[in-house]
Amino acid sequence: MTAHADKRLQQRGVPPLIIRCLRDFGERVYDHRGAVIYHFNKTSWRKLEGEWGREPVRRLFADHRDAYMVVSAEDDLVITVGKRFKRIKH
């Protein structure tokens, strides 16, 4: 994780558990500029609920449904983390 991503993680209140779940369950979208954007969508939420159960996921992740992270495709470093306000285009 880059220093920038670590700083954004703290500033935006995104727990490290969300980062792990984004990497394991989130949808991957290539941005065609050398990075991959991980975000949650309906399919990824269903996979997460199937793995952990519906209620725990709703309680733990209620404030983080719109979280995303940008990862370098070259060296697999997390570049930044945030919460999206607009749709991620494919």
PDB file of N, CA and C in Angstrom:
ATOM      1  N   MET A   1       0.838  -1.174   0.000  1.00  0.00           N
ATOM      2  CA  MET A   1       0.000   0.000   0.000  1.00  0.00           C
ATOM      3  C   MET A   1       0.886   1.241   0.000  1.00  0.00           C
ATOM      4  N   THR A   2       0.541   2.195  -0.846  1.00  0.00           N
ATOM      5  CA  THR A   2       1.327   3.420  -0.903  1.00  0.00           C
ATOM      6  C   THR A   2       1.010   4.300   0.306  1.00  0.00           C
ATOM      7  N   ALA A   3       1.884   5.262   0.562  1.00  0.00           N
ATOM      8  CA  ALA A   3       1.672   6.197   1.667  1.00  0.00           C
ATOM      9  C   ALA A   3       0.396   7.010   1.429  1.00  0.00           C
ATOM     10  N   HIS A   4       0.157   7.358   0.169  1.00  0.00           N
ATOM     11  CA  HIS A   4      -1.047   8.095  -0.185  1.00  0.00           C
ATOM     12  C   HIS A   4      -2.300   7.283   0.165  1.00  0.00           C
ATOM     13  N   ALA A   5      -2.309   6.003  -0.191  1.00  0.00           N
ATOM     14  CA  ALA A   5      -3.457   5.144   0.088  1.00  0.00           C
ATOM     15  C   ALA A   5      -3.666   4.987   1.585  1.00  0.00           C
ATOM     16  N   ASP A   6      -2.591   4.854   2.338  1.00  0.00           N
ATOM     17  CA  ASP A   6      -2.703   4.723   3.785  1.00  0.00           C
ATOM     18  C   ASP A   6      -3.313   5.984   4.399  1.00  0.00           C
ATOM     19  N   LYS A   7      -2.893   7.118   3.907  1.00  0.00           N
ATOM     20  CA  LYS A   7      -3.428   8.393   4.385  1.00  0.00           C
ATOM     21  C   LYS A   7      -4.918   8.512   4.050  1.00  0.00           C
ATOM     22  N   ARG A   8      -5.293   8.162   2.823  1.00  0.00           N
ATOM     23  CA  ARG A   8      -6.694   8.226   2.407  1.00  0.00           C
ATOM     24  C   ARG A   8      -7.567   7.241   3.179  1.00  0.00           C
ATOM     25  N   LEU A   9      -7.010   6.087   3.492  1.00  0.00           N
ATOM     26  CA  LEU A   9      -7.717   5.076   4.278  1.00  0.00           C
ATOM     27  C   LEU A   9      -8.133   5.655   5.622  1.00  0.00           C
ATOM     28  N   GLN A  10      -7.222   6.365   6.267  1.00  0.00           N
ATOM     29  CA  GLN A  10      -7.510   6.979   7.558  1.00  0.00           C
ATOM     30  C   GLN A  10      -8.451   8.166   7.408  1.00  0.00           C
ATOM     31  N   GLN A  11      -8.210   9.023   6.436  1.00  0.00           N
ATOM     32  CA  GLN A  11      -9.032  10.215   6.247  1.00  0.00           C
ATOM     33  C   GLN A  11     -10.486   9.875   5.933  1.00  0.00           C
ATOM     34  N   ARG A  12     -10.680   8.836   5.157  1.00  0.00           N
ATOM     35  CA  ARG A  12     -12.024   8.499   4.694  1.00  0.00           C
ATOM     36  C   ARG A  12     -12.707   7.454   5.559  1.00  0.00           C
ATOM     37  N   GLY A  13     -12.043   6.997   6.595  1.00  0.00           N
ATOM     38  CA  GLY A  13     -12.658   6.082   7.544  1.00  0.00           C
ATOM     39  C   GLY A  13     -12.988   4.716   6.979  1.00  0.00           C
ATOM     40  N   VAL A  14     -12.156   4.233   6.096  1.00  0.00           N
ATOM     41  CA  VAL A  14     -12.368   2.914   5.499  1.00  0.00           C
ATOM     42  C   VAL A  14     -11.500   1.907   6.257  1.00  0.00           C
ATOM     43  N   PRO A  15     -12.124   0.940   6.943  1.00  0.00           N
ATOM     44  CA  PRO A  15     -11.331  -0.037   7.692  1.00  0.00           C
ATOM     45  C   PRO A  15     -10.578  -1.004   6.773  1.00  0.00           C
ATOM     46  N   PRO A  16      -9.451  -1.530   7.248  1.00  0.00           N
ATOM     47  CA  PRO A  16      -8.671  -2.488   6.442  1.00  0.00           C
ATOM     48  C   PRO A  16      -9.466  -3.728   6.027  1.00  0.00           C
ATOM     49  N   LEU A  17     -10.473  -4.106   6.804  1.00  0.00           N
ATOM     50  CA  LEU A  17     -11.312  -5.245   6.442  1.00  0.00           C
ATOM     51  C   LEU A  17     -12.017  -4.998   5.102  1.00  0.00           C
ATOM     52  N   ILE A  18     -12.415  -3.780   4.861  1.00  0.00           N
ATOM     53  CA  ILE A  18     -13.083  -3.432   3.599  1.00  0.00           C
ATOM     54  C   ILE A  18     -12.122  -3.622   2.431  1.00  0.00           C
ATOM     55  N   ILE A  19     -10.868  -3.252   2.627  1.00  0.00           N
ATOM     56  CA  ILE A  19      -9.858  -3.428   1.582  1.00  0.00           C
ATOM     57  C   ILE A  19      -9.710  -4.906   1.236  1.00  0.00           C
ATOM     58  N   ARG A  20      -9.640  -5.733   2.262  1.00  0.00           N
ATOM     59  CA  ARG A  20      -9.512  -7.176   2.027  1.00  0.00           C
ATOM     60  C   ARG A  20     -10.735  -7.731   1.294  1.00  0.00           C
ATOM     61  N   CYS A  21     -11.921  -7.290   1.699  1.00  0.00           N
ATOM     62  CA  CYS A  21     -13.141  -7.770   1.048  1.00  0.00           C
ATOM     63  C   CYS A  21     -13.266  -7.250  -0.379  1.00  0.00           C
ATOM     64  N   LEU A  22     -12.822  -6.020  -0.617  1.00  0.00           N
ATOM     65  CA  LEU A  22     -12.821  -5.520  -1.988  1.00  0.00           C
ATOM     66  C   LEU A  22     -11.929  -6.377  -2.868  1.00  0.00           C
ATOM     67  N   ARG A  23     -10.771  -6.728  -2.356  1.00  0.00           N
ATOM     68  CA  ARG A  23      -9.836  -7.538  -3.137  1.00  0.00           C
ATOM     69  C   ARG A  23     -10.387  -8.946  -3.367  1.00  0.00           C
ATOM     70  N   ASP A  24     -11.045  -9.505  -2.360  1.00  0.00           N
ATOM     71  CA  ASP A  24     -11.544 -10.884  -2.465  1.00  0.00           C
ATOM     72  C   ASP A  24     -12.877 -10.996  -3.209  1.00  0.00           C
ATOM     73  N   PHE A  25     -13.781 -10.020  -3.011  1.00  0.00           N
ATOM     74  CA  PHE A  25     -15.136 -10.143  -3.541  1.00  0.00           C
ATOM     75  C   PHE A  25     -15.528  -9.059  -4.535  1.00  0.00           C
ATOM     76  N   GLY A  26     -14.813  -7.944  -4.570  1.00  0.00           N
ATOM     77  CA  GLY A  26     -15.208  -6.814  -5.405  1.00  0.00           C
ATOM     78  C   GLY A  26     -15.045  -7.065  -6.892  1.00  0.00           C
ATOM     79  N   GLU A  27     -15.809  -6.322  -7.669  1.00  0.00           N
ATOM     80  CA  GLU A  27     -15.678  -6.389  -9.122  1.00  0.00           C
ATOM     81  C   GLU A  27     -14.447  -5.592  -9.543  1.00  0.00           C
ATOM     82  N   ARG A  28     -13.742  -6.101 -10.538  1.00  0.00           N
ATOM     83  CA  ARG A  28     -12.535  -5.454 -11.047  1.00  0.00           C
ATOM     84  C   ARG A  28     -12.835  -4.792 -12.384  1.00  0.00           C
ATOM     85  N   VAL A  29     -12.440  -3.519 -12.482  1.00  0.00           N
ATOM     86  CA  VAL A  29     -12.626  -2.775 -13.721  1.00  0.00           C
ATOM     87  C   VAL A  29     -11.277  -2.168 -14.079  1.00  0.00           C
ATOM     88  N   TYR A  30     -10.786  -2.471 -15.271  1.00  0.00           N
ATOM     89  CA  TYR A  30      -9.528  -1.899 -15.732  1.00  0.00           C
ATOM     90  C   TYR A  30      -9.782  -0.497 -16.245  1.00  0.00           C
ATOM     91  N   ASP A  31      -8.951   0.448 -15.838  1.00  0.00           N
ATOM     92  CA  ASP A  31      -9.192   1.840 -16.235  1.00  0.00           C
ATOM     93  C   ASP A  31      -8.442   2.227 -17.512  1.00  0.00           C
ATOM     94  N   HIS A  32      -7.706   1.316 -18.110  1.00  0.00           N
ATOM     95  CA  HIS A  32      -6.957   1.524 -19.360  1.00  0.00           C
ATOM     96  C   HIS A  32      -5.858   2.576 -19.216  1.00  0.00           C
ATOM     97  N   ARG A  33      -5.430   2.817 -17.978  1.00  0.00           N
ATOM     98  CA  ARG A  33      -4.313   3.718 -17.724  1.00  0.00           C
ATOM     99  C   ARG A  33      -3.319   3.079 -16.762  1.00  0.00           C
ATOM    100  N   GLY A  34      -3.385   1.750 -16.631  1.00  0.00           N
ATOM    101  CA  GLY A  34      -2.432   1.039 -15.794  1.00  0.00           C
ATOM    102  C   GLY A  34      -2.905   0.755 -14.389  1.00  0.00           C
ATOM    103  N   ALA A  35      -4.203   0.827 -14.154  1.00  0.00           N
ATOM    104  CA  ALA A  35      -4.727   0.558 -12.811  1.00  0.00           C
ATOM    105  C   ALA A  35      -5.998  -0.278 -12.905  1.00  0.00           C
ATOM    106  N   VAL A  36      -6.347  -0.885 -11.783  1.00  0.00           N
ATOM    107  CA  VAL A  36      -7.561  -1.675 -11.667  1.00  0.00           C
ATOM    108  C   VAL A  36      -8.377  -1.070 -10.536  1.00  0.00           C
ATOM    109  N   ILE A  37      -9.675  -0.858 -10.779  1.00  0.00           N
ATOM    110  CA  ILE A  37     -10.562  -0.321  -9.761  1.00  0.00           C
ATOM    111  C   ILE A  37     -11.395  -1.483  -9.213  1.00  0.00           C
ATOM    112  N   TYR A  38     -11.357  -1.654  -7.915  1.00  0.00           N
ATOM    113  CA  TYR A  38     -12.170  -2.661  -7.243  1.00  0.00           C
ATOM    114  C   TYR A  38     -13.333  -1.946  -6.574  1.00  0.00           C
ATOM    115  N   HIS A  39     -14.547  -2.442  -6.778  1.00  0.00           N
ATOM    116  CA  HIS A  39     -15.717  -1.859  -6.120  1.00  0.00           C
ATOM    117  C   HIS A  39     -16.754  -2.938  -5.895  1.00  0.00           C
ATOM    118  N   PHE A  40     -17.705  -2.647  -5.017  1.00  0.00           N
ATOM    119  CA  PHE A  40     -18.780  -3.582  -4.740  1.00  0.00           C
ATOM    120  C   PHE A  40     -19.936  -3.324  -5.700  1.00  0.00           C
ATOM    121  N   ASN A  41     -20.533  -4.407  -6.172  1.00  0.00           N
ATOM    122  CA  ASN A  41     -21.767  -4.329  -6.938  1.00  0.00           C
ATOM    123  C   ASN A  41     -22.711  -5.394  -6.379  1.00  0.00           C
ATOM    124  N   LYS A  42     -23.856  -5.564  -6.996  1.00  0.00           N
ATOM    125  CA  LYS A  42     -24.854  -6.498  -6.475  1.00  0.00           C
ATOM    126  C   LYS A  42     -24.306  -7.921  -6.398  1.00  0.00           C
ATOM    127  N   THR A  43     -23.586  -8.342  -7.431  1.00  0.00           N
ATOM    128  CA  THR A  43     -23.030  -9.703  -7.458  1.00  0.00           C
ATOM    129  C   THR A  43     -22.005  -9.900  -6.352  1.00  0.00           C
ATOM    130  N   SER A  44     -21.130  -8.928  -6.172  1.00  0.00           N
ATOM    131  CA  SER A  44     -20.108  -9.075  -5.134  1.00  0.00           C
ATOM    132  C   SER A  44     -20.725  -9.069  -3.737  1.00  0.00           C
ATOM    133  N   TRP A  45     -21.803  -8.274  -3.533  1.00  0.00           N
ATOM    134  CA  TRP A  45     -22.477  -8.291  -2.234  1.00  0.00           C
ATOM    135  C   TRP A  45     -23.112  -9.647  -1.969  1.00  0.00           C
ATOM    136  N   ARG A  46     -23.693 -10.239  -2.994  1.00  0.00           N
ATOM    137  CA  ARG A  46     -24.313 -11.562  -2.817  1.00  0.00           C
ATOM    138  C   ARG A  46     -23.259 -12.618  -2.471  1.00  0.00           C
ATOM    139  N   LYS A  47     -22.087 -12.542  -3.111  1.00  0.00           N
ATOM    140  CA  LYS A  47     -21.007 -13.476  -2.783  1.00  0.00           C
ATOM    141  C   LYS A  47     -20.554 -13.283  -1.338  1.00  0.00           C
ATOM    142  N   LEU A  48     -20.420 -12.042  -0.938  1.00  0.00           N
ATOM    143  CA  LEU A  48     -20.005 -11.725   0.431  1.00  0.00           C
ATOM    144  C   LEU A  48     -21.038 -12.206   1.442  1.00  0.00           C
ATOM    145  N   GLU A  49     -22.322 -11.992   1.146  1.00  0.00           N
ATOM    146  CA  GLU A  49     -23.388 -12.473   2.023  1.00  0.00           C
ATOM    147  C   GLU A  49     -23.415 -13.999   2.079  1.00  0.00           C
ATOM    148  N   GLY A  50     -23.132 -14.649   0.954  1.00  0.00           N
ATOM    149  CA  GLY A  50     -23.084 -16.109   0.935  1.00  0.00           C
ATOM    150  C   GLY A  50     -21.953 -16.655   1.788  1.00  0.00           C
ATOM    151  N   GLU A  51     -20.863 -15.937   1.827  1.00  0.00           N
ATOM    152  CA  GLU A  51     -19.689 -16.362   2.598  1.00  0.00           C
ATOM    153  C   GLU A  51     -19.852 -16.080   4.090  1.00  0.00           C
ATOM    154  N   TRP A  52     -20.353 -14.908   4.443  1.00  0.00           N
ATOM    155  CA  TRP A  52     -20.383 -14.474   5.843  1.00  0.00           C
ATOM    156  C   TRP A  52     -21.772 -14.453   6.462  1.00  0.00           C
ATOM    157  N   GLY A  53     -22.815 -14.510   5.642  1.00  0.00           N
ATOM    158  CA  GLY A  53     -24.183 -14.402   6.148  1.00  0.00           C
ATOM    159  C   GLY A  53     -24.735 -13.008   5.904  1.00  0.00           C
ATOM    160  N   ARG A  54     -26.027 -12.947   5.681  1.00  0.00           N
ATOM    161  CA  ARG A  54     -26.662 -11.687   5.295  1.00  0.00           C
ATOM    162  C   ARG A  54     -26.612 -10.625   6.392  1.00  0.00           C
ATOM    163  N   GLU A  55     -27.011 -10.971   7.608  1.00  0.00           N
ATOM    164  CA  GLU A  55     -27.062  -9.979   8.696  1.00  0.00           C
ATOM    165  C   GLU A  55     -25.692  -9.428   9.080  1.00  0.00           C
ATOM    166  N   PRO A  56     -24.679 -10.287   9.273  1.00  0.00           N
ATOM    167  CA  PRO A  56     -23.359  -9.728   9.603  1.00  0.00           C
ATOM    168  C   PRO A  56     -22.842  -8.766   8.531  1.00  0.00           C
ATOM    169  N   VAL A  57     -23.065  -9.083   7.274  1.00  0.00           N
ATOM    170  CA  VAL A  57     -22.601  -8.218   6.189  1.00  0.00           C
ATOM    171  C   VAL A  57     -23.350  -6.884   6.233  1.00  0.00           C
ATOM    172  N   ARG A  58     -24.640  -6.928   6.446  1.00  0.00           N
ATOM    173  CA  ARG A  58     -25.411  -5.679   6.508  1.00  0.00           C
ATOM    174  C   ARG A  58     -24.983  -4.809   7.679  1.00  0.00           C
ATOM    175  N   ARG A  59     -24.690  -5.424   8.829  1.00  0.00           N
ATOM    176  CA  ARG A  59     -24.270  -4.643   9.989  1.00  0.00           C
ATOM    177  C   ARG A  59     -22.855  -4.099   9.828  1.00  0.00           C
ATOM    178  N   LEU A  60     -21.938  -4.942   9.387  1.00  0.00           N
ATOM    179  CA  LEU A  60     -20.532  -4.545   9.292  1.00  0.00           C
ATOM    180  C   LEU A  60     -20.253  -3.591   8.133  1.00  0.00           C
ATOM    181  N   PHE A  61     -20.960  -3.760   7.029  1.00  0.00           N
ATOM    182  CA  PHE A  61     -20.626  -3.027   5.815  1.00  0.00           C
ATOM    183  C   PHE A  61     -21.652  -1.970   5.417  1.00  0.00           C
ATOM    184  N   ALA A  62     -22.570  -1.622   6.308  1.00  0.00           N
ATOM    185  CA  ALA A  62     -23.639  -0.680   5.974  1.00  0.00           C
ATOM    186  C   ALA A  62     -23.090   0.650   5.454  1.00  0.00           C
ATOM    187  N   ASP A  63     -22.033   1.156   6.045  1.00  0.00           N
ATOM    188  CA  ASP A  63     -21.486   2.454   5.654  1.00  0.00           C
ATOM    189  C   ASP A  63     -20.447   2.364   4.540  1.00  0.00           C
ATOM    190  N   HIS A  64     -20.176   1.158   4.053  1.00  0.00           N
ATOM    191  CA  HIS A  64     -19.074   0.993   3.103  1.00  0.00           C
ATOM    192  C   HIS A  64     -19.493   0.333   1.799  1.00  0.00           C
ATOM    193  N   ARG A  65     -20.784   0.377   1.475  1.00  0.00           N
ATOM    194  CA  ARG A  65     -21.258  -0.225   0.224  1.00  0.00           C
ATOM    195  C   ARG A  65     -20.672   0.459  -0.996  1.00  0.00           C
ATOM    196  N   ASP A  66     -20.344   1.737  -0.850  1.00  0.00           N
ATOM    197  CA  ASP A  66     -19.849   2.509  -1.990  1.00  0.00           C
ATOM    198  C   ASP A  66     -18.330   2.688  -1.976  1.00  0.00           C
ATOM    199  N   ALA A  67     -17.642   1.856  -1.201  1.00  0.00           N
ATOM    200  CA  ALA A  67     -16.174   1.939  -1.132  1.00  0.00           C
ATOM    201  C   ALA A  67     -15.547   1.409  -2.425  1.00  0.00           C
ATOM    202  N   TYR A  68     -14.388   1.956  -2.744  1.00  0.00           N
ATOM    203  CA  TYR A  68     -13.620   1.470  -3.881  1.00  0.00           C
ATOM    204  C   TYR A  68     -12.137   1.620  -3.576  1.00  0.00           C
ATOM    205  N   MET A  69     -11.323   0.922  -4.325  1.00  0.00           N
ATOM    206  CA  MET A  69      -9.877   1.111  -4.232  1.00  0.00           C
ATOM    207  C   MET A  69      -9.286   0.996  -5.628  1.00  0.00           C
ATOM    208  N   VAL A  70      -8.208   1.733  -5.824  1.00  0.00           N
ATOM    209  CA  VAL A  70      -7.496   1.726  -7.099  1.00  0.00           C
ATOM    210  C   VAL A  70      -6.151   1.060  -6.849  1.00  0.00           C
ATOM    211  N   VAL A  71      -5.861   0.026  -7.644  1.00  0.00           N
ATOM    212  CA  VAL A  71      -4.651  -0.771  -7.484  1.00  0.00           C
ATOM    213  C   VAL A  71      -3.840  -0.711  -8.772  1.00  0.00           C
ATOM    214  N   SER A  72      -2.553  -0.561  -8.635  1.00  0.00           N
ATOM    215  CA  SER A  72      -1.669  -0.547  -9.792  1.00  0.00           C
ATOM    216  C   SER A  72      -1.654  -1.932 -10.426  1.00  0.00           C
ATOM    217  N   ALA A  73      -1.902  -1.997 -11.719  1.00  0.00           N
ATOM    218  CA  ALA A  73      -1.907  -3.278 -12.424  1.00  0.00           C
ATOM    219  C   ALA A  73      -0.493  -3.824 -12.564  1.00  0.00           C
ATOM    220  N   GLU A  74       0.481  -2.948 -12.513  1.00  0.00           N
ATOM    221  CA  GLU A  74       1.878  -3.333 -12.719  1.00  0.00           C
ATOM    222  C   GLU A  74       2.479  -4.020 -11.495  1.00  0.00           C
ATOM    223  N   ASP A  75       2.368  -3.394 -10.325  1.00  0.00           N
ATOM    224  CA  ASP A  75       3.027  -3.948  -9.135  1.00  0.00           C
ATOM    225  C   ASP A  75       2.064  -4.278  -8.003  1.00  0.00           C
ATOM    226  N   ASP A  76       0.752  -4.226  -8.253  1.00  0.00           N
ATOM    227  CA  ASP A  76      -0.279  -4.656  -7.312  1.00  0.00           C
ATOM    228  C   ASP A  76      -0.281  -3.856  -6.005  1.00  0.00           C
ATOM    229  N   LEU A  77       0.105  -2.590  -6.060  1.00  0.00           N
ATOM    230  CA  LEU A  77       0.053  -1.707  -4.893  1.00  0.00           C
ATOM    231  C   LEU A  77      -1.261  -0.947  -4.880  1.00  0.00           C
ATOM    232  N   VAL A  78      -1.837  -0.777  -3.691  1.00  0.00           N
ATOM    233  CA  VAL A  78      -3.040   0.032  -3.558  1.00  0.00           C
ATOM    234  C   VAL A  78      -2.625   1.495  -3.702  1.00  0.00           C
ATOM    235  N   ILE A  79      -3.212   2.194  -4.666  1.00  0.00           N
ATOM    236  CA  ILE A  79      -2.863   3.579  -4.945  1.00  0.00           C
ATOM    237  C   ILE A  79      -3.711   4.534  -4.112  1.00  0.00           C
ATOM    238  N   THR A  80      -5.019   4.300  -4.089  1.00  0.00           N
ATOM    239  CA  THR A  80      -5.910   5.142  -3.296  1.00  0.00           C
ATOM    240  C   THR A  80      -7.161   4.371  -2.932  1.00  0.00           C
ATOM    241  N   VAL A  81      -7.878   4.908  -1.964  1.00  0.00           N
ATOM    242  CA  VAL A  81      -9.104   4.306  -1.452  1.00  0.00           C
ATOM    243  C   VAL A  81     -10.110   5.428  -1.275  1.00  0.00           C
ATOM    244  N   GLY A  82     -11.376   5.136  -1.526  1.00  0.00           N
ATOM    245  CA  GLY A  82     -12.379   6.169  -1.335  1.00  0.00           C
ATOM    246  C   GLY A  82     -13.778   5.612  -1.336  1.00  0.00           C
ATOM    247  N   LYS A  83     -14.732   6.525  -1.354  1.00  0.00           N
ATOM    248  CA  LYS A  83     -16.138   6.176  -1.466  1.00  0.00           C
ATOM    249  C   LYS A  83     -16.674   6.898  -2.685  1.00  0.00           C
ATOM    250  N   ARG A  84     -17.306   6.137  -3.561  1.00  0.00           N
ATOM    251  CA  ARG A  84     -17.740   6.725  -4.823  1.00  0.00           C
ATOM    252  C   ARG A  84     -19.090   7.411  -4.672  1.00  0.00           C
ATOM    253  N   PHE A  85     -19.257   8.460  -5.462  1.00  0.00           N
ATOM    254  CA  PHE A  85     -20.500   9.202  -5.503  1.00  0.00           C
ATOM    255  C   PHE A  85     -21.167   9.078  -6.860  1.00  0.00           C
ATOM    256  N   LYS A  86     -20.414   8.568  -7.825  1.00  0.00           N
ATOM    257  CA  LYS A  86     -20.930   8.366  -9.168  1.00  0.00           C
ATOM    258  C   LYS A  86     -20.693   6.916  -9.563  1.00  0.00           C
ATOM    259  N   ARG A  87     -21.413   6.477 -10.578  1.00  0.00           N
ATOM    260  CA  ARG A  87     -21.265   5.128 -11.094  1.00  0.00           C
ATOM    261  C   ARG A  87     -19.884   4.933 -11.710  1.00  0.00           C
ATOM    262  N   ILE A  88     -19.306   3.760 -11.528  1.00  0.00           N
ATOM    263  CA  ILE A  88     -18.019   3.430 -12.149  1.00  0.00           C
ATOM    264  C   ILE A  88     -18.330   2.877 -13.545  1.00  0.00           C
ATOM    265  N   LYS A  89     -17.784   3.519 -14.557  1.00  0.00           N
ATOM    266  CA  LYS A  89     -18.048   3.126 -15.939  1.00  0.00           C
ATOM    267  C   LYS A  89     -17.156   1.963 -16.335  1.00  0.00           C
ATOM    268  N   HIS A  90     -17.710   1.065 -17.119  1.00  0.00           N
ATOM    269  CA  HIS A  90     -16.967  -0.117 -17.566  1.00  0.00           C
ATOM    270  C   HIS A  90     -16.451   0.076 -18.933  1.00  0.00           C
TER     271      HIS A  90
END
